[in-house]
PDB file of N, CA and C in Angstrom:
ATOM      1  N   MET A   1      20.995 113.087  27.750  1.00  0.00           N
ATOM      2  CA  MET A   1      20.345 114.066  28.600  1.00  0.00           C
ATOM      3  C   MET A   1      20.887 113.917  30.015  1.00  0.00           C
ATOM      4  N   ASP A   2      21.117 115.018  30.676  1.00  0.00           N
ATOM      5  CA  ASP A   2      21.577 115.035  32.048  1.00  0.00           C
ATOM      6  C   ASP A   2      20.623 114.229  32.912  1.00  0.00           C
ATOM      7  N   LYS A   3      21.178 113.393  33.796  1.00  0.00           N
ATOM      8  CA  LYS A   3      20.318 112.541  34.616  1.00  0.00           C
ATOM      9  C   LYS A   3      19.411 113.341  35.527  1.00  0.00           C
ATOM     10  N   TYR A   4      19.714 114.613  35.748  1.00  0.00           N
ATOM     11  CA  TYR A   4      18.907 115.436  36.620  1.00  0.00           C
ATOM     12  C   TYR A   4      17.765 116.121  35.888  1.00  0.00           C
ATOM     13  N   LYS A   5      17.686 115.990  34.591  1.00  0.00           N
ATOM     14  CA  LYS A   5      16.664 116.681  33.819  1.00  0.00           C
ATOM     15  C   LYS A   5      15.716 115.711  33.137  1.00  0.00           C
ATOM     16  N   LYS A   6      15.626 114.502  33.612  1.00  0.00           N
ATOM     17  CA  LYS A   6      14.786 113.504  32.963  1.00  0.00           C
ATOM     18  C   LYS A   6      13.331 113.700  33.350  1.00  0.00           C
ATOM     19  N   SER A   7      12.475 113.406  32.398  1.00  0.00           N
ATOM     20  CA  SER A   7      11.039 113.499  32.639  1.00  0.00           C
ATOM     21  C   SER A   7      10.560 112.215  33.305  1.00  0.00           C
ATOM     22  N   ILE A   8       9.327 112.255  33.776  1.00  0.00           N
ATOM     23  CA  ILE A   8       8.727 111.062  34.372  1.00  0.00           C
ATOM     24  C   ILE A   8       8.726 109.926  33.351  1.00  0.00           C
ATOM     25  N   GLY A   9       8.416 110.238  32.096  1.00  0.00           N
ATOM     26  CA  GLY A   9       8.381 109.222  31.051  1.00  0.00           C
ATOM     27  C   GLY A   9       9.731 108.548  30.866  1.00  0.00           C
ATOM     28  N   GLU A  10      10.787 109.345  30.840  1.00  0.00           N
ATOM     29  CA  GLU A  10      12.128 108.781  30.687  1.00  0.00           C
ATOM     30  C   GLU A  10      12.507 107.936  31.903  1.00  0.00           C
ATOM     31  N   LEU A  11      12.166 108.435  33.092  1.00  0.00           N
ATOM     32  CA  LEU A  11      12.441 107.666  34.296  1.00  0.00           C
ATOM     33  C   LEU A  11      11.658 106.356  34.293  1.00  0.00           C
ATOM     34  N   ALA A  12      10.419 106.393  33.788  1.00  0.00           N
ATOM     35  CA  ALA A  12       9.583 105.188  33.738  1.00  0.00           C
ATOM     36  C   ALA A  12      10.200 104.139  32.813  1.00  0.00           C
ATOM     37  N   LYS A  13      10.755 104.583  31.679  1.00  0.00           N
ATOM     38  CA  LYS A  13      11.388 103.638  30.755  1.00  0.00           C
ATOM     39  C   LYS A  13      12.598 102.975  31.402  1.00  0.00           C
ATOM     40  N   GLU A  14      13.348 103.744  32.194  1.00  0.00           N
ATOM     41  CA  GLU A  14      14.550 103.221  32.827  1.00  0.00           C
ATOM     42  C   GLU A  14      14.241 102.401  34.084  1.00  0.00           C
ATOM     43  N   ASN A  15      13.075 102.666  34.689  1.00  0.00           N
ATOM     44  CA  ASN A  15      12.697 102.006  35.932  1.00  0.00           C
ATOM     45  C   ASN A  15      11.282 101.457  35.815  1.00  0.00           C
ATOM     46  N   PRO A  16      11.069 100.441  34.981  1.00  0.00           N
ATOM     47  CA  PRO A  16       9.713  99.973  34.691  1.00  0.00           C
ATOM     48  C   PRO A  16       8.978  99.388  35.891  1.00  0.00           C
ATOM     49  N   THR A  17       9.695  99.011  36.946  1.00  0.00           N
ATOM     50  CA  THR A  17       9.017  98.427  38.104  1.00  0.00           C
ATOM     51  C   THR A  17       8.610  99.465  39.141  1.00  0.00           C
ATOM     52  N   LYS A  18       9.007 100.712  38.949  1.00  0.00           N
ATOM     53  CA  LYS A  18       8.686 101.772  39.906  1.00  0.00           C
ATOM     54  C   LYS A  18       7.264 102.271  39.686  1.00  0.00           C
ATOM     55  N   THR A  19       6.618 102.672  40.780  1.00  0.00           N
ATOM     56  CA  THR A  19       5.284 103.262  40.681  1.00  0.00           C
ATOM     57  C   THR A  19       5.425 104.720  40.267  1.00  0.00           C
ATOM     58  N   TYR A  20       4.306 105.311  39.859  1.00  0.00           N
ATOM     59  CA  TYR A  20       4.333 106.710  39.455  1.00  0.00           C
ATOM     60  C   TYR A  20       4.797 107.581  40.622  1.00  0.00           C
ATOM     61  N   LYS A  21       4.340 107.275  41.825  1.00  0.00           N
ATOM     62  CA  LYS A  21       4.726 108.057  42.999  1.00  0.00           C
ATOM     63  C   LYS A  21       6.233 107.975  43.228  1.00  0.00           C
ATOM     64  N   GLU A  22       6.793 106.778  43.064  1.00  0.00           N
ATOM     65  CA  GLU A  22       8.234 106.615  43.226  1.00  0.00           C
ATOM     66  C   GLU A  22       8.998 107.409  42.158  1.00  0.00           C
ATOM     67  N   LEU A  23       8.461 107.411  40.940  1.00  0.00           N
ATOM     68  CA  LEU A  23       9.100 108.179  39.865  1.00  0.00           C
ATOM     69  C   LEU A  23       9.049 109.677  40.168  1.00  0.00           C
ATOM     70  N   GLU A  24       7.923 110.142  40.700  1.00  0.00           N
ATOM     71  CA  GLU A  24       7.818 111.557  41.074  1.00  0.00           C
ATOM     72  C   GLU A  24       8.831 111.893  42.161  1.00  0.00           C
ATOM     73  N   GLN A  25       9.009 110.997  43.123  1.00  0.00           N
ATOM     74  CA  GLN A  25       9.991 111.224  44.185  1.00  0.00           C
ATOM     75  C   GLN A  25      11.404 111.287  43.607  1.00  0.00           C
ATOM     76  N   MET A  26      11.688 110.414  42.656  1.00  0.00           N
ATOM     77  CA  MET A  26      13.000 110.436  42.011  1.00  0.00           C
ATOM     78  C   MET A  26      13.222 111.768  41.311  1.00  0.00           C
ATOM     79  N   ARG A  27      12.175 112.250  40.621  1.00  0.00           N
ATOM     80  CA  ARG A  27      12.305 113.522  39.906  1.00  0.00           C
ATOM     81  C   ARG A  27      12.463 114.674  40.884  1.00  0.00           C
ATOM     82  N   GLU A  28      11.725 114.653  42.010  1.00  0.00           N
ATOM     83  CA  GLU A  28      11.861 115.704  43.012  1.00  0.00           C
ATOM     84  C   GLU A  28      13.272 115.736  43.584  1.00  0.00           C
ATOM     85  N   MET A  29      13.841 114.545  43.810  1.00  0.00           N
ATOM     86  CA  MET A  29      15.223 114.496  44.288  1.00  0.00           C
ATOM     87  C   MET A  29      16.157 115.101  43.253  1.00  0.00           C
ATOM     88  N   ALA A  30      15.867 114.865  41.976  1.00  0.00           N
ATOM     89  CA  ALA A  30      16.691 115.431  40.906  1.00  0.00           C
ATOM     90  C   ALA A  30      16.566 116.944  40.884  1.00  0.00           C
ATOM     91  N   ILE A  31      15.341 117.457  41.076  1.00  0.00           N
ATOM     92  CA  ILE A  31      15.137 118.908  41.093  1.00  0.00           C
ATOM     93  C   ILE A  31      15.922 119.517  42.248  1.00  0.00           C
ATOM     94  N   THR A  32      15.888 118.868  43.406  1.00  0.00           N
ATOM     95  CA  THR A  32      16.636 119.353  44.562  1.00  0.00           C
ATOM     96  C   THR A  32      18.123 119.389  44.245  1.00  0.00           C
ATOM     97  N   THR A  33      18.596 118.350  43.562  1.00  0.00           N
ATOM     98  CA  THR A  33      20.003 118.299  43.182  1.00  0.00           C
ATOM     99  C   THR A  33      20.336 119.439  42.225  1.00  0.00           C
ATOM    100  N   ILE A  34      19.441 119.689  41.268  1.00  0.00           N
ATOM    101  CA  ILE A  34      19.653 120.794  40.329  1.00  0.00           C
ATOM    102  C   ILE A  34      19.773 122.104  41.090  1.00  0.00           C
ATOM    103  N   ASN A  35      18.895 122.300  42.057  1.00  0.00           N
ATOM    104  CA  ASN A  35      18.874 123.560  42.788  1.00  0.00           C
ATOM    105  C   ASN A  35      20.099 123.752  43.666  1.00  0.00           C
ATOM    106  N   ASN A  36      20.795 122.681  43.980  1.00  0.00           N
ATOM    107  CA  ASN A  36      22.014 122.790  44.769  1.00  0.00           C
ATOM    108  C   ASN A  36      23.247 122.949  43.897  1.00  0.00           C
ATOM    109  N   ARG A  37      23.039 122.871  42.595  1.00  0.00           N
ATOM    110  CA  ARG A  37      24.137 123.065  41.649  1.00  0.00           C
ATOM    111  C   ARG A  37      24.109 124.516  41.174  1.00  0.00           C
ATOM    112  N   THR A  38      24.997 124.834  40.268  1.00  0.00           N
ATOM    113  CA  THR A  38      24.996 126.164  39.682  1.00  0.00           C
ATOM    114  C   THR A  38      23.789 126.299  38.770  1.00  0.00           C
ATOM    115  N   THR A  39      23.031 127.374  38.950  1.00  0.00           N
ATOM    116  CA  THR A  39      21.865 127.631  38.114  1.00  0.00           C
ATOM    117  C   THR A  39      22.070 128.942  37.381  1.00  0.00           C
ATOM    118  N   LYS A  40      21.328 129.116  36.323  1.00  0.00           N
ATOM    119  CA  LYS A  40      21.449 130.350  35.550  1.00  0.00           C
ATOM    120  C   LYS A  40      20.129 131.086  35.567  1.00  0.00           C
ATOM    121  N   ILE A  41      20.217 132.371  35.649  1.00  0.00           N
ATOM    122  CA  ILE A  41      19.041 133.220  35.628  1.00  0.00           C
ATOM    123  C   ILE A  41      19.197 134.117  34.395  1.00  0.00           C
ATOM    124  N   TYR A  42      18.182 134.109  33.557  1.00  0.00           N
ATOM    125  CA  TYR A  42      18.259 134.886  32.336  1.00  0.00           C
ATOM    126  C   TYR A  42      17.374 136.116  32.440  1.00  0.00           C
ATOM    127  N   GLY A  43      17.900 137.226  32.030  1.00  0.00           N
ATOM    128  CA  GLY A  43      17.146 138.462  31.982  1.00  0.00           C
ATOM    129  C   GLY A  43      17.732 139.269  30.846  1.00  0.00           C
ATOM    130  N   SER A  44      17.786 140.586  31.009  1.00  0.00           N
ATOM    131  CA  SER A  44      18.389 141.391  29.963  1.00  0.00           C
ATOM    132  C   SER A  44      19.878 141.055  29.841  1.00  0.00           C
ATOM    133  N   ASN A  45      20.504 140.693  30.960  1.00  0.00           N
ATOM    134  CA  ASN A  45      21.886 140.211  30.954  1.00  0.00           C
ATOM    135  C   ASN A  45      21.877 138.809  31.547  1.00  0.00           C
ATOM    136  N   GLN A  46      22.699 137.937  30.991  1.00  0.00           N
ATOM    137  CA  GLN A  46      22.785 136.598  31.559  1.00  0.00           C
ATOM    138  C   GLN A  46      23.544 136.709  32.871  1.00  0.00           C
ATOM    139  N   ARG A  47      22.966 136.120  33.921  1.00  0.00           N
ATOM    140  CA  ARG A  47      23.600 136.159  35.232  1.00  0.00           C
ATOM    141  C   ARG A  47      23.672 134.750  35.769  1.00  0.00           C
ATOM    142  N   GLN A  48      24.681 134.497  36.551  1.00  0.00           N
ATOM    143  CA  GLN A  48      24.859 133.166  37.108  1.00  0.00           C
ATOM    144  C   GLN A  48      24.916 133.276  38.619  1.00  0.00           C
ATOM    145  N   ILE A  49      24.125 132.441  39.293  1.00  0.00           N
ATOM    146  CA  ILE A  49      24.128 132.413  40.749  1.00  0.00           C
ATOM    147  C   ILE A  49      24.520 131.011  41.174  1.00  0.00           C
ATOM    148  N   SER A  50      25.585 130.885  41.925  1.00  0.00           N
ATOM    149  CA  SER A  50      26.001 129.581  42.428  1.00  0.00           C
ATOM    150  C   SER A  50      25.359 129.372  43.784  1.00  0.00           C
ATOM    151  N   LYS A  51      24.693 128.202  43.943  1.00  0.00           N
ATOM    152  CA  LYS A  51      23.963 127.959  45.171  1.00  0.00           C
ATOM    153  C   LYS A  51      24.533 126.826  46.002  1.00  0.00           C
ATOM    154  N   GLY A  52      25.736 126.391  45.746  1.00  0.00           N
ATOM    155  CA  GLY A  52      26.272 125.311  46.556  1.00  0.00           C
ATOM    156  C   GLY A  52      26.267 125.676  48.034  1.00  0.00           C
ATOM    157  N   ASP A  53      26.554 126.919  48.329  1.00  0.00           N
ATOM    158  CA  ASP A  53      26.549 127.424  49.691  1.00  0.00           C
ATOM    159  C   ASP A  53      25.698 128.672  49.703  1.00  0.00           C
ATOM    160  N   TRP A  54      24.673 128.692  50.555  1.00  0.00           N
ATOM    161  CA  TRP A  54      23.750 129.839  50.599  1.00  0.00           C
ATOM    162  C   TRP A  54      24.480 131.145  50.836  1.00  0.00           C
ATOM    163  N   MET A  55      25.631 131.098  51.498  1.00  0.00           N
ATOM    164  CA  MET A  55      26.323 132.336  51.849  1.00  0.00           C
ATOM    165  C   MET A  55      27.075 132.942  50.670  1.00  0.00           C
ATOM    166  N   ASN A  56      27.410 132.152  49.683  1.00  0.00           N
ATOM    167  CA  ASN A  56      28.190 132.643  48.554  1.00  0.00           C
ATOM    168  C   ASN A  56      27.396 132.504  47.273  1.00  0.00           C
ATOM    169  N   PHE A  57      27.504 133.497  46.410  1.00  0.00           N
ATOM    170  CA  PHE A  57      26.875 133.429  45.102  1.00  0.00           C
ATOM    171  C   PHE A  57      27.687 134.271  44.138  1.00  0.00           C
ATOM    172  N   LYS A  58      27.442 134.052  42.865  1.00  0.00           N
ATOM    173  CA  LYS A  58      28.206 134.736  41.823  1.00  0.00           C
ATOM    174  C   LYS A  58      27.239 135.387  40.854  1.00  0.00           C
ATOM    175  N   ILE A  59      27.474 136.658  40.547  1.00  0.00           N
ATOM    176  CA  ILE A  59      26.711 137.382  39.524  1.00  0.00           C
ATOM    177  C   ILE A  59      27.718 138.103  38.635  1.00  0.00           C
ATOM    178  N   ASP A  60      27.548 137.938  37.346  1.00  0.00           N
ATOM    179  CA  ASP A  60      28.450 138.564  36.363  1.00  0.00           C
ATOM    180  C   ASP A  60      29.922 138.278  36.674  1.00  0.00           C
ATOM    181  N   ASN A  61      30.204 137.002  36.991  1.00  0.00           N
ATOM    182  CA  ASN A  61      31.566 136.537  37.263  1.00  0.00           C
ATOM    183  C   ASN A  61      32.232 137.201  38.473  1.00  0.00           C
ATOM    184  N   LYS A  62      31.437 137.763  39.382  1.00  0.00           N
ATOM    185  CA  LYS A  62      31.962 138.330  40.616  1.00  0.00           C
ATOM    186  C   LYS A  62      31.362 137.559  41.781  1.00  0.00           C
ATOM    187  N   ASP A  63      32.204 137.200  42.755  1.00  0.00           N
ATOM    188  CA  ASP A  63      31.746 136.477  43.934  1.00  0.00           C
ATOM    189  C   ASP A  63      31.217 137.445  44.979  1.00  0.00           C
ATOM    190  N   TYR A  64      30.113 137.037  45.625  1.00  0.00           N
ATOM    191  CA  TYR A  64      29.500 137.850  46.670  1.00  0.00           C
ATOM    192  C   TYR A  64      29.133 136.964  47.854  1.00  0.00           C
ATOM    193  N   ASP A  65      29.061 137.579  49.021  1.00  0.00           N
ATOM    194  CA  ASP A  65      28.626 136.905  50.241  1.00  0.00           C
ATOM    195  C   ASP A  65      27.249 137.450  50.581  1.00  0.00           C
ATOM    196  N   SER A  66      26.254 136.563  50.681  1.00  0.00           N
ATOM    197  CA  SER A  66      24.885 137.012  50.933  1.00  0.00           C
ATOM    198  C   SER A  66      24.746 137.681  52.307  1.00  0.00           C
ATOM    199  N   GLU A  67      25.663 137.385  53.225  1.00  0.00           N
ATOM    200  CA  GLU A  67      25.614 138.020  54.542  1.00  0.00           C
ATOM    201  C   GLU A  67      25.863 139.527  54.444  1.00  0.00           C
ATOM    202  N   LYS A  68      26.534 139.957  53.401  1.00  0.00           N
ATOM    203  CA  LYS A  68      26.836 141.381  53.238  1.00  0.00           C
ATOM    204  C   LYS A  68      25.739 142.126  52.498  1.00  0.00           C
ATOM    205  N   LEU A  69      24.700 141.402  52.037  1.00  0.00           N
ATOM    206  CA  LEU A  69      23.582 142.041  51.342  1.00  0.00           C
ATOM    207  C   LEU A  69      22.642 142.710  52.341  1.00  0.00           C
ATOM    208  N   SER A  70      21.976 143.727  51.869  1.00  0.00           N
ATOM    209  CA  SER A  70      20.919 144.330  52.679  1.00  0.00           C
ATOM    210  C   SER A  70      19.766 143.336  52.765  1.00  0.00           C
ATOM    211  N   ASP A  71      18.802 143.614  53.611  1.00  0.00           N
ATOM    212  CA  ASP A  71      17.632 142.733  53.703  1.00  0.00           C
ATOM    213  C   ASP A  71      16.915 142.647  52.361  1.00  0.00           C
ATOM    214  N   LYS A  72      16.842 143.768  51.659  1.00  0.00           N
ATOM    215  CA  LYS A  72      16.208 143.760  50.328  1.00  0.00           C
ATOM    216  C   LYS A  72      17.021 142.906  49.359  1.00  0.00           C
ATOM    217  N   GLY A  73      18.345 143.026  49.418  1.00  0.00           N
ATOM    218  CA  GLY A  73      19.206 142.235  48.542  1.00  0.00           C
ATOM    219  C   GLY A  73      19.032 140.747  48.798  1.00  0.00           C
ATOM    220  N   LYS A  74      18.956 140.361  50.065  1.00  0.00           N
ATOM    221  CA  LYS A  74      18.732 138.952  50.407  1.00  0.00           C
ATOM    222  C   LYS A  74      17.386 138.476  49.882  1.00  0.00           C
ATOM    223  N   LEU A  75      16.386 139.330  50.010  1.00  0.00           N
ATOM    224  CA  LEU A  75      15.055 138.985  49.504  1.00  0.00           C
ATOM    225  C   LEU A  75      15.089 138.800  47.989  1.00  0.00           C
ATOM    226  N   TYR A  76      15.774 139.714  47.283  1.00  0.00           N
ATOM    227  CA  TYR A  76      15.845 139.626  45.819  1.00  0.00           C
ATOM    228  C   TYR A  76      16.606 138.370  45.381  1.00  0.00           C
ATOM    229  N   LEU A  77      17.677 138.033  46.097  1.00  0.00           N
ATOM    230  CA  LEU A  77      18.435 136.829  45.784  1.00  0.00           C
ATOM    231  C   LEU A  77      17.550 135.602  45.969  1.00  0.00           C
ATOM    232  N   GLU A  78      16.831 135.558  47.066  1.00  0.00           N
ATOM    233  CA  GLU A  78      15.936 134.430  47.323  1.00  0.00           C
ATOM    234  C   GLU A  78      14.842 134.348  46.263  1.00  0.00           C
ATOM    235  N   LYS A  79      14.289 135.504  45.863  1.00  0.00           N
ATOM    236  CA  LYS A  79      13.256 135.518  44.818  1.00  0.00           C
ATOM    237  C   LYS A  79      13.801 134.972  43.501  1.00  0.00           C
ATOM    238  N   LEU A  80      15.006 135.384  43.125  1.00  0.00           N
ATOM    239  CA  LEU A  80      15.608 134.882  41.889  1.00  0.00           C
ATOM    240  C   LEU A  80      15.816 133.373  41.945  1.00  0.00           C
ATOM    241  N   GLN A  81      16.267 132.882  43.078  1.00  0.00           N
ATOM    242  CA  GLN A  81      16.480 131.440  43.220  1.00  0.00           C
ATOM    243  C   GLN A  81      15.151 130.694  43.179  1.00  0.00           C
ATOM    244  N   ASN A  82      14.118 131.243  43.813  1.00  0.00           N
ATOM    245  CA  ASN A  82      12.795 130.613  43.771  1.00  0.00           C
ATOM    246  C   ASN A  82      12.228 130.610  42.354  1.00  0.00           C
ATOM    247  N   LEU A  83      12.422 131.697  41.624  1.00  0.00           N
ATOM    248  CA  LEU A  83      11.950 131.750  40.237  1.00  0.00           C
ATOM    249  C   LEU A  83      12.660 130.717  39.382  1.00  0.00           C
ATOM    250  N   GLN A  84      13.957 130.548  39.586  1.00  0.00           N
ATOM    251  CA  GLN A  84      14.704 129.545  38.828  1.00  0.00           C
ATOM    252  C   GLN A  84      14.186 128.147  39.135  1.00  0.00           C
ATOM    253  N   THR A  85      13.893 127.882  40.398  1.00  0.00           N
ATOM    254  CA  THR A  85      13.342 126.583  40.796  1.00  0.00           C
ATOM    255  C   THR A  85      12.010 126.342  40.100  1.00  0.00           C
ATOM    256  N   LYS A  86      11.142 127.354  40.112  1.00  0.00           N
ATOM    257  CA  LYS A  86       9.833 127.226  39.452  1.00  0.00           C
ATOM    258  C   LYS A  86      10.001 127.000  37.952  1.00  0.00           C
ATOM    259  N   LEU A  87      10.921 127.719  37.335  1.00  0.00           N
ATOM    260  CA  LEU A  87      11.170 127.556  35.910  1.00  0.00           C
ATOM    261  C   LEU A  87      11.613 126.129  35.598  1.00  0.00           C
ATOM    262  N   GLN A  88      12.487 125.578  36.412  1.00  0.00           N
ATOM    263  CA  GLN A  88      12.949 124.207  36.211  1.00  0.00           C
ATOM    264  C   GLN A  88      11.799 123.219  36.381  1.00  0.00           C
ATOM    265  N   GLN A  89      10.950 123.441  37.382  1.00  0.00           N
ATOM    266  CA  GLN A  89       9.815 122.543  37.605  1.00  0.00           C
ATOM    267  C   GLN A  89       8.825 122.617  36.447  1.00  0.00           C
ATOM    268  N   ILE A  90       8.553 123.817  35.969  1.00  0.00           N
ATOM    269  CA  ILE A  90       7.629 123.976  34.843  1.00  0.00           C
ATOM    270  C   ILE A  90       8.205 123.328  33.587  1.00  0.00           C
ATOM    271  N   THR A  91       9.500 123.486  33.375  1.00  0.00           N
ATOM    272  CA  THR A  91      10.150 122.866  32.226  1.00  0.00           C
ATOM    273  C   THR A  91      10.011 121.349  32.281  1.00  0.00           C
ATOM    274  N   LEU A  92      10.210 120.773  33.461  1.00  0.00           N
ATOM    275  CA  LEU A  92      10.038 119.324  33.602  1.00  0.00           C
ATOM    276  C   LEU A  92       8.591 118.908  33.373  1.00  0.00           C
ATOM    277  N   GLU A  93       7.645 119.714  33.855  1.00  0.00           N
ATOM    278  CA  GLU A  93       6.237 119.405  33.630  1.00  0.00           C
ATOM    279  C   GLU A  93       5.887 119.460  32.143  1.00  0.00           C
ATOM    280  N   ILE A  94       6.433 120.433  31.433  1.00  0.00           N
ATOM    281  CA  ILE A  94       6.188 120.533  29.986  1.00  0.00           C
ATOM    282  C   ILE A  94       6.747 119.305  29.274  1.00  0.00           C
ATOM    283  N   LEU A  95       7.931 118.863  29.673  1.00  0.00           N
ATOM    284  CA  LEU A  95       8.509 117.651  29.079  1.00  0.00           C
ATOM    285  C   LEU A  95       7.598 116.448  29.339  1.00  0.00           C
ATOM    286  N   ASP A  96       7.090 116.346  30.559  1.00  0.00           N
ATOM    287  CA  ASP A  96       6.170 115.243  30.884  1.00  0.00           C
ATOM    288  C   ASP A  96       4.900 115.311  30.055  1.00  0.00           C
ATOM    289  N   ILE A  97       4.338 116.502  29.932  1.00  0.00           N
ATOM    290  CA  ILE A  97       3.095 116.674  29.172  1.00  0.00           C
ATOM    291  C   ILE A  97       3.322 116.310  27.716  1.00  0.00           C
ATOM    292  N   ASN A  98       4.412 116.757  27.136  1.00  0.00           N
ATOM    293  CA  ASN A  98       4.705 116.433  25.742  1.00  0.00           C
ATOM    294  C   ASN A  98       4.913 114.933  25.552  1.00  0.00           C
ATOM    295  N   PHE A  99       5.592 114.294  26.496  1.00  0.00           N
ATOM    296  CA  PHE A  99       5.789 112.851  26.416  1.00  0.00           C
ATOM    297  C   PHE A  99       4.449 112.133  26.476  1.00  0.00           C
ATOM    298  N   LEU A 100       3.619 112.508  27.441  1.00  0.00           N
ATOM    299  CA  LEU A 100       2.314 111.848  27.590  1.00  0.00           C
ATOM    300  C   LEU A 100       1.403 112.128  26.396  1.00  0.00           C
ATOM    301  N   LYS A 101       1.468 113.332  25.860  1.00  0.00           N
ATOM    302  CA  LYS A 101       0.668 113.674  24.684  1.00  0.00           C
ATOM    303  C   LYS A 101       1.050 112.767  23.512  1.00  0.00           C
ATOM    304  N   LYS A 102       2.348 112.611  23.294  1.00  0.00           N
ATOM    305  CA  LYS A 102       2.820 111.744  22.208  1.00  0.00           C
ATOM    306  C   LYS A 102       2.408 110.296  22.473  1.00  0.00           C
ATOM    307  N   HIS A 103       2.575 109.861  23.701  1.00  0.00           N
ATOM    308  CA  HIS A 103       2.245 108.483  24.071  1.00  0.00           C
ATOM    309  C   HIS A 103       0.770 108.194  23.823  1.00  0.00           C
ATOM    310  N   TYR A 104      -0.117 109.069  24.287  1.00  0.00           N
ATOM    311  CA  TYR A 104      -1.550 108.822  24.113  1.00  0.00           C
ATOM    312  C   TYR A 104      -1.981 108.986  22.657  1.00  0.00           C
ATOM    313  N   SER A 105      -1.312 109.831  21.921  1.00  0.00           N
ATOM    314  CA  SER A 105      -1.601 109.942  20.486  1.00  0.00           C
ATOM    315  C   SER A 105      -1.273 108.632  19.776  1.00  0.00           C
ATOM    316  N   GLU A 106      -0.136 108.040  20.137  1.00  0.00           N
ATOM    317  CA  GLU A 106       0.240 106.759  19.536  1.00  0.00           C
ATOM    318  C   GLU A 106      -0.750 105.662  19.921  1.00  0.00           C
ATOM    319  N   LEU A 107      -1.178 105.652  21.173  1.00  0.00           N
ATOM    320  CA  LEU A 107      -2.163 104.656  21.600  1.00  0.00           C
ATOM    321  C   LEU A 107      -3.489 104.852  20.872  1.00  0.00           C
ATOM    322  N   LEU A 108      -3.897 106.102  20.719  1.00  0.00           N
ATOM    323  CA  LEU A 108      -5.146 106.400  20.018  1.00  0.00           C
ATOM    324  C   LEU A 108      -5.072 105.943  18.568  1.00  0.00           C
ATOM    325  N   GLU A 109      -3.956 106.205  17.907  1.00  0.00           N
ATOM    326  CA  GLU A 109      -3.794 105.784  16.508  1.00  0.00           C
ATOM    327  C   GLU A 109      -3.955 104.276  16.363  1.00  0.00           C
ATOM    328  N   LYS A 110      -3.487 103.515  17.341  1.00  0.00           N
ATOM    329  CA  LYS A 110      -3.632 102.060  17.291  1.00  0.00           C
ATOM    330  C   LYS A 110      -5.096 101.633  17.440  1.00  0.00           C
ATOM    331  N   GLU A 111      -5.901 102.468  18.062  1.00  0.00           N
ATOM    332  CA  GLU A 111      -7.301 102.128  18.310  1.00  0.00           C
ATOM    333  C   GLU A 111      -8.255 102.648  17.237  1.00  0.00           C
ATOM    334  N   LEU A 112      -7.723 103.432  16.316  1.00  0.00           N
ATOM    335  CA  LEU A 112      -8.586 103.955  15.248  1.00  0.00           C
ATOM    336  C   LEU A 112      -9.088 102.812  14.388  1.00  0.00           C
ATOM    337  N   PRO A 113     -10.340 102.893  13.935  1.00  0.00           N
ATOM    338  CA  PRO A 113     -10.863 101.820  13.086  1.00  0.00           C
ATOM    339  C   PRO A 113     -10.094 101.762  11.775  1.00  0.00           C
ATOM    340  N   LYS A 114      -9.902 100.568  11.328  1.00  0.00           N
ATOM    341  CA  LYS A 114      -9.228 100.366  10.043  1.00  0.00           C
ATOM    342  C   LYS A 114     -10.255 100.620   8.950  1.00  0.00           C
ATOM    343  N   GLU A 115      -9.946 101.543   8.113  1.00  0.00           N
ATOM    344  CA  GLU A 115     -10.881 101.873   7.029  1.00  0.00           C
ATOM    345  C   GLU A 115     -10.549 101.042   5.808  1.00  0.00           C
ATOM    346  N   GLU A 116     -11.563 100.552   5.221  1.00  0.00           N
ATOM    347  CA  GLU A 116     -11.385  99.803   3.993  1.00  0.00           C
ATOM    348  C   GLU A 116     -11.146 100.800   2.864  1.00  0.00           C
ATOM    349  N   VAL A 117     -10.266 100.407   1.992  1.00  0.00           N
ATOM    350  CA  VAL A 117     -10.014 101.250   0.841  1.00  0.00           C
ATOM    351  C   VAL A 117     -11.115 100.972  -0.176  1.00  0.00           C
ATOM    352  N   LYS A 118     -11.886 102.001  -0.440  1.00  0.00           N
ATOM    353  CA  LYS A 118     -13.005 101.837  -1.381  1.00  0.00           C
ATOM    354  C   LYS A 118     -12.626 102.536  -2.674  1.00  0.00           C
ATOM    355  N   THR A 119     -12.895 101.829  -3.743  1.00  0.00           N
ATOM    356  CA  THR A 119     -12.676 102.454  -5.042  1.00  0.00           C
ATOM    357  C   THR A 119     -14.004 102.990  -5.495  1.00  0.00           C
ATOM    358  N   LYS A 120     -13.952 104.143  -6.023  1.00  0.00           N
ATOM    359  CA  LYS A 120     -15.196 104.764  -6.515  1.00  0.00           C
ATOM    360  C   LYS A 120     -15.517 104.184  -7.884  1.00  0.00           C
ATOM    361  N   SER A 121     -16.714 103.692  -7.948  1.00  0.00           N
ATOM    362  CA  SER A 121     -17.155 103.227  -9.269  1.00  0.00           C
ATOM    363  C   SER A 121     -17.846 104.406  -9.949  1.00  0.00           C
ATOM    364  N   PRO A 122     -17.656 104.506 -11.212  1.00  0.00           N
ATOM    365  CA  PRO A 122     -18.282 105.649 -11.904  1.00  0.00           C
ATOM    366  C   PRO A 122     -19.789 105.563 -11.790  1.00  0.00           C
ATOM    367  N   LYS A 123     -20.373 106.708 -11.511  1.00  0.00           N
ATOM    368  CA  LYS A 123     -21.831 106.776 -11.430  1.00  0.00           C
ATOM    369  C   LYS A 123     -22.418 106.826 -12.838  1.00  0.00           C
ATOM    370  N   PRO A 124     -23.476 106.071 -13.017  1.00  0.00           N
ATOM    371  CA  PRO A 124     -24.102 106.156 -14.353  1.00  0.00           C
ATOM    372  C   PRO A 124     -24.769 107.513 -14.503  1.00  0.00           C
ATOM    373  N   ASP A 125     -24.684 107.996 -15.701  1.00  0.00           N
ATOM    374  CA  ASP A 125     -25.305 109.298 -15.989  1.00  0.00           C
ATOM    375  C   ASP A 125     -26.755 109.198 -16.167  1.00  0.00           C
TER     376      ASP A 125
END
């Protein structure tokens, strides 16, 4: 898995001495790194926006300069980038929730009472 897409659980396994707050900070730094890389926006057509430099971006394999966009175009570009950021954050949260759900399910299973195997004796008629 890409080091920038790790969940809190995965980071915790790799960094057992870190506090939860430190792990969250590590993940936030990773999200920031993701947002500075090339991101993809999916809609009816797959589009790619490169965010290494705010002034340049790419859609449908064509390069554009955001300075040449209208105010509405700049707003729409910013909205798309913000939506992608939110999508990435939600995806990471879902990964964390699934990890924690599995973890607590395993812990719960260990705490379940051990049932004795009872054999049914035939009831007298």
